[in-house]
Amino acid sequence: MKLIYSIGYSSTRFVDFLDILKKYKISALIDVRTNPFSRFVPEYRKENLEKALEQANIKYIFLGNLLGGKPENPSYYTPEGYWNYNIIIQSMEFKEGIEALLDLAERETIALMCSEFDPAQCLRALIIGRYLLSYHNIAINHLMGKWVQVDQRALEESLIFRYFPQTTGQHSFFSNEELINEAYELQMKKVFKVKTK
């Protein structure tokens, strides 16, 4: 299997975004936005993006309906209204999306795309990347500009350091896996909006 990348466009000019894809030889861009639309940056609207990528010989594939970050199903949320990672990853939609993603990764050099630049603020890392590392031992490489990439393991370490800076004493009480899971949950609560009833 080839490397799996992720990228967030935020306010990146499309010409620079395309340069990054070419630098890492991305052959298929997987759009995981629930709504493939950008109000402020029209180049990233689905129809415009698809055409521009086709001209650059890069495939555009939309999986936001399966892996997107705004679940409609109320059972995907905790009683407090936060995303419930353990329920989401058991859903048929998510499993179908992961299967499609892994199948594509066998044949293409893929990058998951969303609007958020920082992977630690996005489902690319907090849900998809977390799942791929936990269940398939695949560490996504998150591209942050042309010259910086952070893999999922390094991102996990940064989350542990952010939420548990005194981990030396904590390791006797919590396993590394427990720390990682708790750090993910704390970050998800910080990043993802509570579902309003």
N, C-alpha and C. Protein backbone atom coordinates (compact mmCIF):
# COMPACT_ATOMS: atom_id res chain seq x y z
N MET A 1 0.84 -1.19 0.00
CA MET A 1 0.00 0.00 0.00
C MET A 1 0.88 1.25 0.00
N LYS A 2 0.46 2.24 -0.79
CA LYS A 2 1.19 3.49 -0.86
C LYS A 2 0.90 4.35 0.37
N LEU A 3 1.69 5.40 0.54
CA LEU A 3 1.44 6.34 1.63
C LEU A 3 0.09 7.00 1.44
N ILE A 4 -0.59 7.29 2.55
CA ILE A 4 -1.83 8.07 2.51
C ILE A 4 -1.53 9.44 3.11
N TYR A 5 -1.90 10.46 2.37
CA TYR A 5 -1.68 11.84 2.81
C TYR A 5 -3.01 12.49 3.18
N SER A 6 -2.92 13.62 3.86
CA SER A 6 -4.10 14.46 4.06
C SER A 6 -3.68 15.91 3.89
N ILE A 7 -4.63 16.73 3.48
CA ILE A 7 -4.32 18.14 3.25
C ILE A 7 -5.57 18.98 3.50
N GLY A 8 -5.37 20.15 4.07
CA GLY A 8 -6.46 21.10 4.26
C GLY A 8 -6.12 22.38 3.52
N TYR A 9 -7.08 22.92 2.78
CA TYR A 9 -6.74 24.07 1.94
C TYR A 9 -6.86 25.41 2.65
N SER A 10 -7.78 25.58 3.57
CA SER A 10 -7.98 26.83 4.30
C SER A 10 -7.95 28.02 3.33
N SER A 11 -6.97 28.90 3.47
CA SER A 11 -6.89 30.06 2.57
C SER A 11 -5.77 29.91 1.54
N THR A 12 -5.29 28.68 1.34
CA THR A 12 -4.21 28.44 0.39
C THR A 12 -4.66 28.75 -1.04
N ARG A 13 -3.85 29.50 -1.76
CA ARG A 13 -4.16 29.76 -3.17
C ARG A 13 -4.16 28.42 -3.91
N PHE A 14 -5.08 28.29 -4.87
CA PHE A 14 -5.21 26.99 -5.54
C PHE A 14 -3.92 26.60 -6.26
N VAL A 15 -3.23 27.56 -6.86
CA VAL A 15 -1.99 27.24 -7.57
C VAL A 15 -0.96 26.64 -6.61
N ASP A 16 -0.92 27.13 -5.38
CA ASP A 16 0.00 26.59 -4.37
C ASP A 16 -0.47 25.22 -3.89
N PHE A 17 -1.77 25.07 -3.74
CA PHE A 17 -2.36 23.79 -3.35
C PHE A 17 -1.99 22.72 -4.37
N LEU A 18 -2.13 23.06 -5.64
CA LEU A 18 -1.81 22.13 -6.73
C LEU A 18 -0.33 21.78 -6.72
N ASP A 19 0.52 22.76 -6.44
CA ASP A 19 1.97 22.50 -6.35
C ASP A 19 2.28 21.46 -5.28
N ILE A 20 1.57 21.55 -4.15
CA ILE A 20 1.78 20.58 -3.07
C ILE A 20 1.38 19.18 -3.53
N LEU A 21 0.23 19.08 -4.18
CA LEU A 21 -0.23 17.77 -4.67
C LEU A 21 0.78 17.18 -5.65
N LYS A 22 1.31 18.03 -6.53
CA LYS A 22 2.29 17.55 -7.52
C LYS A 22 3.60 17.15 -6.84
N LYS A 23 4.03 17.92 -5.86
CA LYS A 23 5.29 17.61 -5.16
C LYS A 23 5.24 16.21 -4.54
N TYR A 24 4.09 15.85 -3.98
CA TYR A 24 3.95 14.55 -3.32
C TYR A 24 3.35 13.48 -4.24
N LYS A 25 3.26 13.84 -5.54
CA LYS A 25 2.79 12.89 -6.57
C LYS A 25 1.41 12.30 -6.24
N ILE A 26 0.52 13.16 -5.74
CA ILE A 26 -0.85 12.73 -5.44
C ILE A 26 -1.57 12.46 -6.75
N SER A 27 -2.12 11.27 -6.90
CA SER A 27 -2.84 10.93 -8.14
C SER A 27 -4.36 10.95 -7.95
N ALA A 28 -4.82 10.95 -6.70
CA ALA A 28 -6.26 11.02 -6.43
C ALA A 28 -6.51 11.82 -5.16
N LEU A 29 -7.38 12.82 -5.27
CA LEU A 29 -7.74 13.65 -4.11
C LEU A 29 -9.10 13.19 -3.61
N ILE A 30 -9.16 12.80 -2.33
CA ILE A 30 -10.39 12.30 -1.73
C ILE A 30 -11.01 13.42 -0.90
N ASP A 31 -12.12 13.94 -1.35
CA ASP A 31 -12.80 15.04 -0.67
C ASP A 31 -13.67 14.46 0.44
N VAL A 32 -13.33 14.78 1.71
CA VAL A 32 -14.11 14.25 2.83
C VAL A 32 -14.96 15.33 3.50
N ARG A 33 -15.14 16.46 2.81
CA ARG A 33 -16.06 17.49 3.33
C ARG A 33 -17.49 16.97 3.20
N THR A 34 -18.30 17.18 4.20
CA THR A 34 -19.71 16.80 4.11
C THR A 34 -20.38 17.57 2.99
N ASN A 35 -20.12 18.86 2.93
CA ASN A 35 -20.65 19.72 1.86
C ASN A 35 -19.47 20.23 1.04
N PRO A 36 -19.28 19.70 -0.17
CA PRO A 36 -18.11 20.08 -0.98
C PRO A 36 -18.26 21.46 -1.62
N PHE A 37 -18.34 22.46 -0.78
CA PHE A 37 -18.63 23.82 -1.22
C PHE A 37 -17.77 24.78 -0.41
N SER A 38 -17.31 25.85 -1.04
CA SER A 38 -16.58 26.88 -0.33
C SER A 38 -17.15 28.24 -0.71
N ARG A 39 -17.69 28.93 0.27
CA ARG A 39 -18.31 30.24 0.02
C ARG A 39 -17.26 31.28 -0.34
N PHE A 40 -16.12 31.23 0.35
CA PHE A 40 -15.12 32.28 0.20
C PHE A 40 -14.02 31.96 -0.81
N VAL A 41 -13.82 30.67 -1.09
CA VAL A 41 -12.77 30.28 -2.04
C VAL A 41 -13.39 29.40 -3.12
N PRO A 42 -13.94 30.02 -4.18
CA PRO A 42 -14.70 29.26 -5.17
C PRO A 42 -13.90 28.18 -5.90
N GLU A 43 -12.57 28.30 -5.90
CA GLU A 43 -11.74 27.28 -6.55
C GLU A 43 -11.93 25.90 -5.91
N TYR A 44 -12.37 25.90 -4.66
CA TYR A 44 -12.51 24.63 -3.94
C TYR A 44 -13.94 24.11 -3.93
N ARG A 45 -14.82 24.74 -4.68
CA ARG A 45 -16.16 24.17 -4.85
C ARG A 45 -16.02 22.91 -5.70
N LYS A 46 -16.83 21.92 -5.41
CA LYS A 46 -16.70 20.61 -6.03
C LYS A 46 -16.53 20.67 -7.55
N GLU A 47 -17.45 21.37 -8.23
CA GLU A 47 -17.41 21.37 -9.70
C GLU A 47 -16.15 22.04 -10.23
N ASN A 48 -15.71 23.13 -9.59
CA ASN A 48 -14.49 23.83 -10.02
C ASN A 48 -13.25 23.01 -9.72
N LEU A 49 -13.23 22.41 -8.54
CA LEU A 49 -12.09 21.60 -8.12
C LEU A 49 -11.92 20.38 -9.02
N GLU A 50 -13.03 19.74 -9.31
CA GLU A 50 -13.00 18.54 -10.16
C GLU A 50 -12.41 18.86 -11.53
N LYS A 51 -12.83 19.97 -12.13
CA LYS A 51 -12.33 20.36 -13.46
C LYS A 51 -10.84 20.69 -13.41
N ALA A 52 -10.44 21.47 -12.41
CA ALA A 52 -9.04 21.88 -12.30
C ALA A 52 -8.13 20.68 -12.06
N LEU A 53 -8.57 19.74 -11.24
CA LEU A 53 -7.76 18.55 -10.97
C LEU A 53 -7.66 17.66 -12.20
N GLU A 54 -8.74 17.57 -12.95
CA GLU A 54 -8.73 16.77 -14.18
C GLU A 54 -7.68 17.31 -15.15
N GLN A 55 -7.59 18.63 -15.25
CA GLN A 55 -6.58 19.24 -16.13
C GLN A 55 -5.16 18.94 -15.65
N ALA A 56 -5.02 18.71 -14.35
CA ALA A 56 -3.71 18.39 -13.78
C ALA A 56 -3.47 16.89 -13.71
N ASN A 57 -4.36 16.10 -14.28
CA ASN A 57 -4.25 14.63 -14.29
C ASN A 57 -4.36 14.03 -12.89
N ILE A 58 -5.17 14.65 -12.05
CA ILE A 58 -5.42 14.15 -10.69
C ILE A 58 -6.90 13.82 -10.58
N LYS A 59 -7.20 12.62 -10.11
CA LYS A 59 -8.60 12.21 -9.96
C LYS A 59 -9.23 12.90 -8.75
N TYR A 60 -10.50 13.24 -8.88
CA TYR A 60 -11.26 13.80 -7.77
C TYR A 60 -12.31 12.77 -7.36
N ILE A 61 -12.32 12.41 -6.08
CA ILE A 61 -13.28 11.42 -5.59
C ILE A 61 -13.94 11.99 -4.33
N PHE A 62 -15.26 12.00 -4.32
CA PHE A 62 -16.00 12.53 -3.18
C PHE A 62 -16.42 11.39 -2.25
N LEU A 63 -15.97 11.45 -1.00
CA LEU A 63 -16.38 10.46 0.02
C LEU A 63 -16.96 11.15 1.26
N GLY A 64 -17.29 12.43 1.11
CA GLY A 64 -17.84 13.17 2.24
C GLY A 64 -19.18 12.64 2.72
N ASN A 65 -19.91 11.97 1.82
CA ASN A 65 -21.19 11.37 2.21
C ASN A 65 -21.00 10.18 3.14
N LEU A 66 -19.80 9.57 3.12
CA LEU A 66 -19.52 8.41 3.96
C LEU A 66 -18.60 8.75 5.13
N LEU A 67 -17.65 9.64 4.90
CA LEU A 67 -16.64 9.95 5.91
C LEU A 67 -16.70 11.38 6.42
N GLY A 68 -17.68 12.14 5.97
CA GLY A 68 -17.76 13.57 6.30
C GLY A 68 -17.99 13.85 7.77
N GLY A 69 -17.74 15.11 8.13
CA GLY A 69 -17.71 15.48 9.53
C GLY A 69 -18.97 16.07 10.14
N LYS A 70 -20.11 15.93 9.48
CA LYS A 70 -21.33 16.46 10.08
C LYS A 70 -22.42 15.38 10.07
N PRO A 71 -22.29 14.39 10.94
CA PRO A 71 -23.25 13.29 10.94
C PRO A 71 -24.68 13.77 11.20
N GLU A 72 -25.61 13.25 10.42
CA GLU A 72 -27.03 13.58 10.60
C GLU A 72 -27.69 12.70 11.67
N ASN A 73 -27.20 11.48 11.77
CA ASN A 73 -27.80 10.50 12.68
C ASN A 73 -27.57 10.91 14.14
N PRO A 74 -28.64 11.14 14.92
CA PRO A 74 -28.47 11.57 16.32
C PRO A 74 -27.74 10.56 17.18
N SER A 75 -27.75 9.28 16.78
CA SER A 75 -27.06 8.27 17.59
C SER A 75 -25.54 8.40 17.51
N TYR A 76 -25.04 9.24 16.59
CA TYR A 76 -23.59 9.44 16.46
C TYR A 76 -23.06 10.43 17.49
N TYR A 77 -23.94 10.93 18.35
CA TYR A 77 -23.55 11.94 19.33
C TYR A 77 -23.70 11.39 20.75
N THR A 78 -22.88 11.90 21.65
CA THR A 78 -22.99 11.53 23.06
C THR A 78 -24.22 12.23 23.64
N PRO A 79 -24.68 11.83 24.83
CA PRO A 79 -25.82 12.52 25.46
C PRO A 79 -25.56 14.03 25.63
N GLU A 80 -24.28 14.41 25.76
CA GLU A 80 -23.94 15.83 25.90
C GLU A 80 -23.90 16.55 24.55
N GLY A 81 -24.02 15.79 23.46
CA GLY A 81 -24.06 16.41 22.14
C GLY A 81 -22.74 16.40 21.37
N TYR A 82 -21.72 15.71 21.90
CA TYR A 82 -20.44 15.63 21.19
C TYR A 82 -20.42 14.41 20.27
N TRP A 83 -19.54 14.44 19.28
CA TRP A 83 -19.39 13.28 18.41
C TRP A 83 -18.99 12.07 19.23
N ASN A 84 -19.57 10.92 18.90
CA ASN A 84 -19.22 9.68 19.58
C ASN A 84 -18.38 8.83 18.62
N TYR A 85 -17.08 8.93 18.78
CA TYR A 85 -16.14 8.24 17.88
C TYR A 85 -16.45 6.75 17.77
N ASN A 86 -16.68 6.10 18.92
CA ASN A 86 -16.89 4.64 18.91
C ASN A 86 -18.15 4.23 18.16
N ILE A 87 -19.17 5.07 18.16
CA ILE A 87 -20.38 4.78 17.39
C ILE A 87 -20.15 5.06 15.91
N ILE A 88 -19.51 6.19 15.61
CA ILE A 88 -19.26 6.57 14.21
C ILE A 88 -18.48 5.49 13.47
N ILE A 89 -17.42 4.97 14.09
CA ILE A 89 -16.58 4.00 13.38
C ILE A 89 -17.25 2.64 13.20
N GLN A 90 -18.36 2.41 13.93
CA GLN A 90 -19.11 1.16 13.76
C GLN A 90 -20.21 1.29 12.70
N SER A 91 -20.43 2.51 12.21
CA SER A 91 -21.53 2.72 11.26
C SER A 91 -21.21 2.11 9.90
N MET A 92 -22.26 1.71 9.19
CA MET A 92 -22.10 1.14 7.85
C MET A 92 -21.48 2.15 6.90
N GLU A 93 -21.88 3.43 7.03
CA GLU A 93 -21.35 4.47 6.14
C GLU A 93 -19.84 4.61 6.32
N PHE A 94 -19.41 4.68 7.56
CA PHE A 94 -17.98 4.85 7.83
C PHE A 94 -17.20 3.65 7.32
N LYS A 95 -17.68 2.46 7.60
CA LYS A 95 -16.99 1.24 7.14
C LYS A 95 -16.89 1.20 5.62
N GLU A 96 -17.97 1.59 4.96
CA GLU A 96 -17.98 1.63 3.49
C GLU A 96 -16.97 2.66 2.98
N GLY A 97 -16.92 3.82 3.64
CA GLY A 97 -15.97 4.86 3.25
C GLY A 97 -14.53 4.42 3.44
N ILE A 98 -14.24 3.78 4.56
CA ILE A 98 -12.88 3.29 4.83
C ILE A 98 -12.49 2.22 3.82
N GLU A 99 -13.41 1.33 3.51
CA GLU A 99 -13.13 0.28 2.53
C GLU A 99 -12.80 0.89 1.17
N ALA A 100 -13.58 1.89 0.75
CA ALA A 100 -13.32 2.57 -0.52
C ALA A 100 -11.97 3.27 -0.49
N LEU A 101 -11.67 3.92 0.63
CA LEU A 101 -10.41 4.65 0.78
C LEU A 101 -9.22 3.69 0.69
N LEU A 102 -9.28 2.57 1.40
CA LEU A 102 -8.18 1.61 1.39
C LEU A 102 -8.02 0.97 0.02
N ASP A 103 -9.13 0.73 -0.65
CA ASP A 103 -9.07 0.18 -2.01
C ASP A 103 -8.36 1.16 -2.94
N LEU A 104 -8.72 2.44 -2.84
CA LEU A 104 -8.08 3.47 -3.66
C LEU A 104 -6.59 3.57 -3.35
N ALA A 105 -6.24 3.44 -2.07
CA ALA A 105 -4.84 3.57 -1.65
C ALA A 105 -3.96 2.45 -2.18
N GLU A 106 -4.56 1.34 -2.58
CA GLU A 106 -3.81 0.24 -3.20
C GLU A 106 -3.38 0.60 -4.61
N ARG A 107 -4.18 1.45 -5.26
CA ARG A 107 -3.96 1.76 -6.68
C ARG A 107 -3.43 3.16 -6.95
N GLU A 108 -3.66 4.06 -6.00
CA GLU A 108 -3.34 5.48 -6.23
C GLU A 108 -2.54 6.02 -5.04
N THR A 109 -1.87 7.14 -5.27
CA THR A 109 -1.31 7.90 -4.15
C THR A 109 -2.37 8.93 -3.79
N ILE A 110 -3.01 8.73 -2.64
CA ILE A 110 -4.18 9.54 -2.31
C ILE A 110 -3.89 10.57 -1.22
N ALA A 111 -4.68 11.63 -1.26
CA ALA A 111 -4.68 12.62 -0.18
C ALA A 111 -6.12 12.90 0.19
N LEU A 112 -6.42 12.82 1.48
CA LEU A 112 -7.73 13.20 1.99
C LEU A 112 -7.76 14.72 2.09
N MET A 113 -8.83 15.34 1.64
CA MET A 113 -8.90 16.80 1.67
C MET A 113 -10.11 17.30 2.44
N CYS A 114 -9.88 18.33 3.24
CA CYS A 114 -10.95 19.06 3.91
C CYS A 114 -10.53 20.53 3.92
N SER A 115 -11.37 21.38 4.48
CA SER A 115 -11.04 22.81 4.46
C SER A 115 -10.07 23.21 5.57
N GLU A 116 -10.09 22.52 6.68
CA GLU A 116 -9.27 22.90 7.84
C GLU A 116 -7.79 22.62 7.60
N PHE A 117 -6.95 23.64 7.74
CA PHE A 117 -5.52 23.49 7.48
C PHE A 117 -4.85 22.57 8.50
N ASP A 118 -5.14 22.78 9.78
CA ASP A 118 -4.49 22.04 10.86
C ASP A 118 -5.18 20.69 11.05
N PRO A 119 -4.47 19.58 10.82
CA PRO A 119 -5.12 18.27 10.97
C PRO A 119 -5.63 18.00 12.38
N ALA A 120 -5.00 18.61 13.39
CA ALA A 120 -5.45 18.42 14.77
C ALA A 120 -6.78 19.10 15.05
N GLN A 121 -7.28 19.86 14.08
CA GLN A 121 -8.57 20.53 14.20
C GLN A 121 -9.60 19.91 13.25
N CYS A 122 -9.29 18.74 12.70
CA CYS A 122 -10.10 18.20 11.60
C CYS A 122 -10.34 16.70 11.73
N LEU A 123 -11.43 16.25 11.15
CA LEU A 123 -11.76 14.82 11.15
C LEU A 123 -10.74 13.99 10.40
N ARG A 124 -9.93 14.61 9.52
CA ARG A 124 -8.89 13.85 8.80
C ARG A 124 -7.99 13.14 9.80
N ALA A 125 -7.66 13.82 10.89
CA ALA A 125 -6.79 13.22 11.91
C ALA A 125 -7.58 12.65 13.07
N LEU A 126 -8.60 13.39 13.54
CA LEU A 126 -9.27 13.02 14.79
C LEU A 126 -10.21 11.83 14.65
N ILE A 127 -10.66 11.55 13.44
CA ILE A 127 -11.52 10.38 13.24
C ILE A 127 -10.88 9.41 12.25
N ILE A 128 -10.66 9.85 11.01
CA ILE A 128 -10.15 8.94 9.98
C ILE A 128 -8.72 8.49 10.30
N GLY A 129 -7.84 9.44 10.59
CA GLY A 129 -6.46 9.10 10.90
C GLY A 129 -6.33 8.24 12.15
N ARG A 130 -7.11 8.59 13.16
CA ARG A 130 -7.13 7.82 14.40
C ARG A 130 -7.54 6.38 14.12
N TYR A 131 -8.60 6.21 13.34
CA TYR A 131 -9.10 4.87 13.03
C TYR A 131 -8.07 4.07 12.23
N LEU A 132 -7.50 4.68 11.19
CA LEU A 132 -6.55 3.95 10.34
C LEU A 132 -5.33 3.49 11.13
N LEU A 133 -4.86 4.32 12.06
CA LEU A 133 -3.70 3.93 12.86
C LEU A 133 -4.08 2.85 13.87
N SER A 134 -5.22 2.99 14.51
CA SER A 134 -5.64 2.02 15.54
C SER A 134 -5.99 0.66 14.96
N TYR A 135 -6.69 0.65 13.83
CA TYR A 135 -7.22 -0.61 13.31
C TYR A 135 -6.48 -1.18 12.11
N HIS A 136 -5.67 -0.36 11.44
CA HIS A 136 -4.95 -0.84 10.24
C HIS A 136 -3.46 -0.55 10.29
N ASN A 137 -2.99 0.05 11.39
CA ASN A 137 -1.58 0.41 11.54
C ASN A 137 -1.06 1.26 10.37
N ILE A 138 -1.92 2.15 9.89
CA ILE A 138 -1.56 3.07 8.80
C ILE A 138 -1.51 4.48 9.38
N ALA A 139 -0.34 5.10 9.30
CA ALA A 139 -0.19 6.47 9.81
C ALA A 139 -0.27 7.45 8.65
N ILE A 140 -1.37 8.19 8.59
CA ILE A 140 -1.54 9.21 7.56
C ILE A 140 -0.44 10.26 7.71
N ASN A 141 0.05 10.76 6.58
CA ASN A 141 0.99 11.89 6.57
C ASN A 141 0.19 13.14 6.27
N HIS A 142 0.11 14.04 7.23
CA HIS A 142 -0.66 15.27 7.08
C HIS A 142 0.24 16.37 6.51
N LEU A 143 -0.11 16.85 5.34
CA LEU A 143 0.67 17.89 4.68
C LEU A 143 0.24 19.26 5.20
N MET A 144 1.21 20.03 5.64
CA MET A 144 0.93 21.38 6.15
C MET A 144 1.83 22.35 5.39
N GLY A 145 1.42 22.66 4.19
CA GLY A 145 2.25 23.47 3.30
C GLY A 145 3.14 22.56 2.47
N LYS A 146 4.01 23.18 1.69
CA LYS A 146 4.82 22.42 0.74
C LYS A 146 5.93 21.62 1.39
N TRP A 147 6.42 22.08 2.53
CA TRP A 147 7.62 21.47 3.09
C TRP A 147 7.40 20.77 4.43
N VAL A 148 6.22 20.85 4.98
CA VAL A 148 5.99 20.28 6.31
C VAL A 148 4.97 19.15 6.23
N GLN A 149 5.33 18.01 6.81
CA GLN A 149 4.35 16.94 6.97
C GLN A 149 4.49 16.35 8.36
N VAL A 150 3.34 16.01 8.93
CA VAL A 150 3.29 15.45 10.29
C VAL A 150 2.53 14.14 10.19
N ASP A 151 3.15 13.05 10.64
CA ASP A 151 2.41 11.80 10.56
C ASP A 151 1.52 11.63 11.79
N GLN A 152 0.59 10.68 11.69
CA GLN A 152 -0.44 10.52 12.72
C GLN A 152 0.16 10.20 14.08
N ARG A 153 1.26 9.43 14.10
CA ARG A 153 1.87 9.10 15.40
C ARG A 153 2.42 10.35 16.08
N ALA A 154 3.06 11.21 15.31
CA ALA A 154 3.59 12.46 15.87
C ALA A 154 2.45 13.35 16.34
N LEU A 155 1.35 13.35 15.60
CA LEU A 155 0.19 14.13 16.00
C LEU A 155 -0.37 13.62 17.33
N GLU A 156 -0.42 12.30 17.49
CA GLU A 156 -0.87 11.72 18.76
C GLU A 156 0.02 12.16 19.91
N GLU A 157 1.32 12.12 19.69
CA GLU A 157 2.25 12.54 20.74
C GLU A 157 2.04 14.00 21.13
N SER A 158 1.77 14.84 20.12
CA SER A 158 1.54 16.26 20.42
C SER A 158 0.25 16.45 21.22
N LEU A 159 -0.76 15.63 20.94
CA LEU A 159 -2.01 15.72 21.71
C LEU A 159 -1.80 15.28 23.16
N ILE A 160 -1.03 14.21 23.34
CA ILE A 160 -0.74 13.76 24.70
C ILE A 160 0.00 14.85 25.47
N PHE A 161 1.00 15.46 24.81
CA PHE A 161 1.77 16.52 25.47
C PHE A 161 0.88 17.72 25.79
N ARG A 162 -0.05 18.03 24.88
CA ARG A 162 -0.94 19.18 25.11
C ARG A 162 -1.83 18.96 26.33
N TYR A 163 -2.41 17.76 26.44
CA TYR A 163 -3.38 17.52 27.51
C TYR A 163 -2.78 16.87 28.75
N PHE A 164 -1.66 16.19 28.60
CA PHE A 164 -1.02 15.52 29.74
C PHE A 164 0.48 15.83 29.75
N PRO A 165 0.84 17.10 29.98
CA PRO A 165 2.26 17.47 29.92
C PRO A 165 3.12 16.76 30.97
N GLN A 166 2.52 16.33 32.06
CA GLN A 166 3.27 15.64 33.11
C GLN A 166 3.11 14.13 32.98
N THR A 167 3.34 13.60 31.80
CA THR A 167 3.04 12.17 31.57
C THR A 167 3.96 11.22 32.33
N THR A 168 5.09 11.67 32.82
CA THR A 168 5.99 10.73 33.51
C THR A 168 5.31 10.08 34.71
N GLY A 169 4.62 10.85 35.52
CA GLY A 169 3.92 10.30 36.67
C GLY A 169 2.65 9.58 36.28
N GLN A 170 2.02 10.03 35.21
CA GLN A 170 0.74 9.46 34.80
C GLN A 170 0.90 8.07 34.19
N HIS A 171 2.08 7.79 33.63
CA HIS A 171 2.25 6.50 32.96
C HIS A 171 2.06 5.33 33.92
N SER A 172 2.29 5.56 35.22
CA SER A 172 2.10 4.47 36.16
C SER A 172 0.62 4.17 36.39
N PHE A 173 -0.25 5.14 36.10
CA PHE A 173 -1.68 4.95 36.30
C PHE A 173 -2.42 4.64 34.99
N PHE A 174 -1.94 5.20 33.89
CA PHE A 174 -2.62 5.04 32.61
C PHE A 174 -1.68 4.44 31.57
N SER A 175 -2.21 3.55 30.74
CA SER A 175 -1.41 3.03 29.63
C SER A 175 -1.31 4.11 28.56
N ASN A 176 -0.35 3.96 27.66
CA ASN A 176 -0.19 4.93 26.57
C ASN A 176 -1.45 4.98 25.72
N GLU A 177 -2.07 3.83 25.50
CA GLU A 177 -3.31 3.78 24.71
C GLU A 177 -4.43 4.57 25.38
N GLU A 178 -4.53 4.45 26.70
CA GLU A 178 -5.55 5.21 27.44
C GLU A 178 -5.30 6.71 27.33
N LEU A 179 -4.03 7.10 27.43
CA LEU A 179 -3.68 8.52 27.30
C LEU A 179 -4.02 9.04 25.91
N ILE A 180 -3.69 8.26 24.89
CA ILE A 180 -3.98 8.66 23.51
C ILE A 180 -5.48 8.82 23.31
N ASN A 181 -6.25 7.83 23.75
CA ASN A 181 -7.71 7.90 23.58
C ASN A 181 -8.31 9.08 24.32
N GLU A 182 -7.84 9.33 25.53
CA GLU A 182 -8.36 10.46 26.30
C GLU A 182 -7.98 11.79 25.65
N ALA A 183 -6.75 11.87 25.13
CA ALA A 183 -6.31 13.10 24.45
C ALA A 183 -7.15 13.36 23.21
N TYR A 184 -7.44 12.30 22.45
CA TYR A 184 -8.32 12.44 21.27
C TYR A 184 -9.69 12.96 21.69
N GLU A 185 -10.25 12.36 22.72
CA GLU A 185 -11.60 12.75 23.16
C GLU A 185 -11.64 14.21 23.60
N LEU A 186 -10.62 14.63 24.33
CA LEU A 186 -10.56 16.02 24.78
C LEU A 186 -10.43 16.98 23.59
N GLN A 187 -9.62 16.58 22.61
CA GLN A 187 -9.46 17.43 21.43
C GLN A 187 -10.75 17.49 20.61
N MET A 188 -11.44 16.36 20.49
CA MET A 188 -12.70 16.35 19.74
C MET A 188 -13.74 17.25 20.40
N LYS A 189 -13.78 17.24 21.72
CA LYS A 189 -14.73 18.11 22.43
C LYS A 189 -14.38 19.58 22.23
N LYS A 190 -13.10 19.85 22.12
CA LYS A 190 -12.66 21.22 21.92
C LYS A 190 -12.97 21.70 20.50
N VAL A 191 -12.81 20.82 19.53
CA VAL A 191 -12.89 21.22 18.12
C VAL A 191 -14.29 21.15 17.55
N PHE A 192 -14.99 20.05 17.79
CA PHE A 192 -16.26 19.83 17.11
C PHE A 192 -17.41 20.41 17.92
N LYS A 193 -18.25 21.13 17.25
CA LYS A 193 -19.37 21.80 17.89
C LYS A 193 -20.35 20.81 18.49
N VAL A 194 -20.92 21.21 19.58
CA VAL A 194 -21.97 20.39 20.20
C VAL A 194 -23.20 20.45 19.32
N LYS A 195 -23.83 19.30 19.11
CA LYS A 195 -25.06 19.26 18.32
C LYS A 195 -26.17 19.92 19.12
N THR A 196 -26.83 20.88 18.52
CA THR A 196 -27.95 21.54 19.21
C THR A 196 -29.22 20.76 18.97
N LYS A 197 -30.05 20.69 19.99
CA LYS A 197 -31.28 19.90 19.87
C LYS A 197 -32.40 20.75 19.34
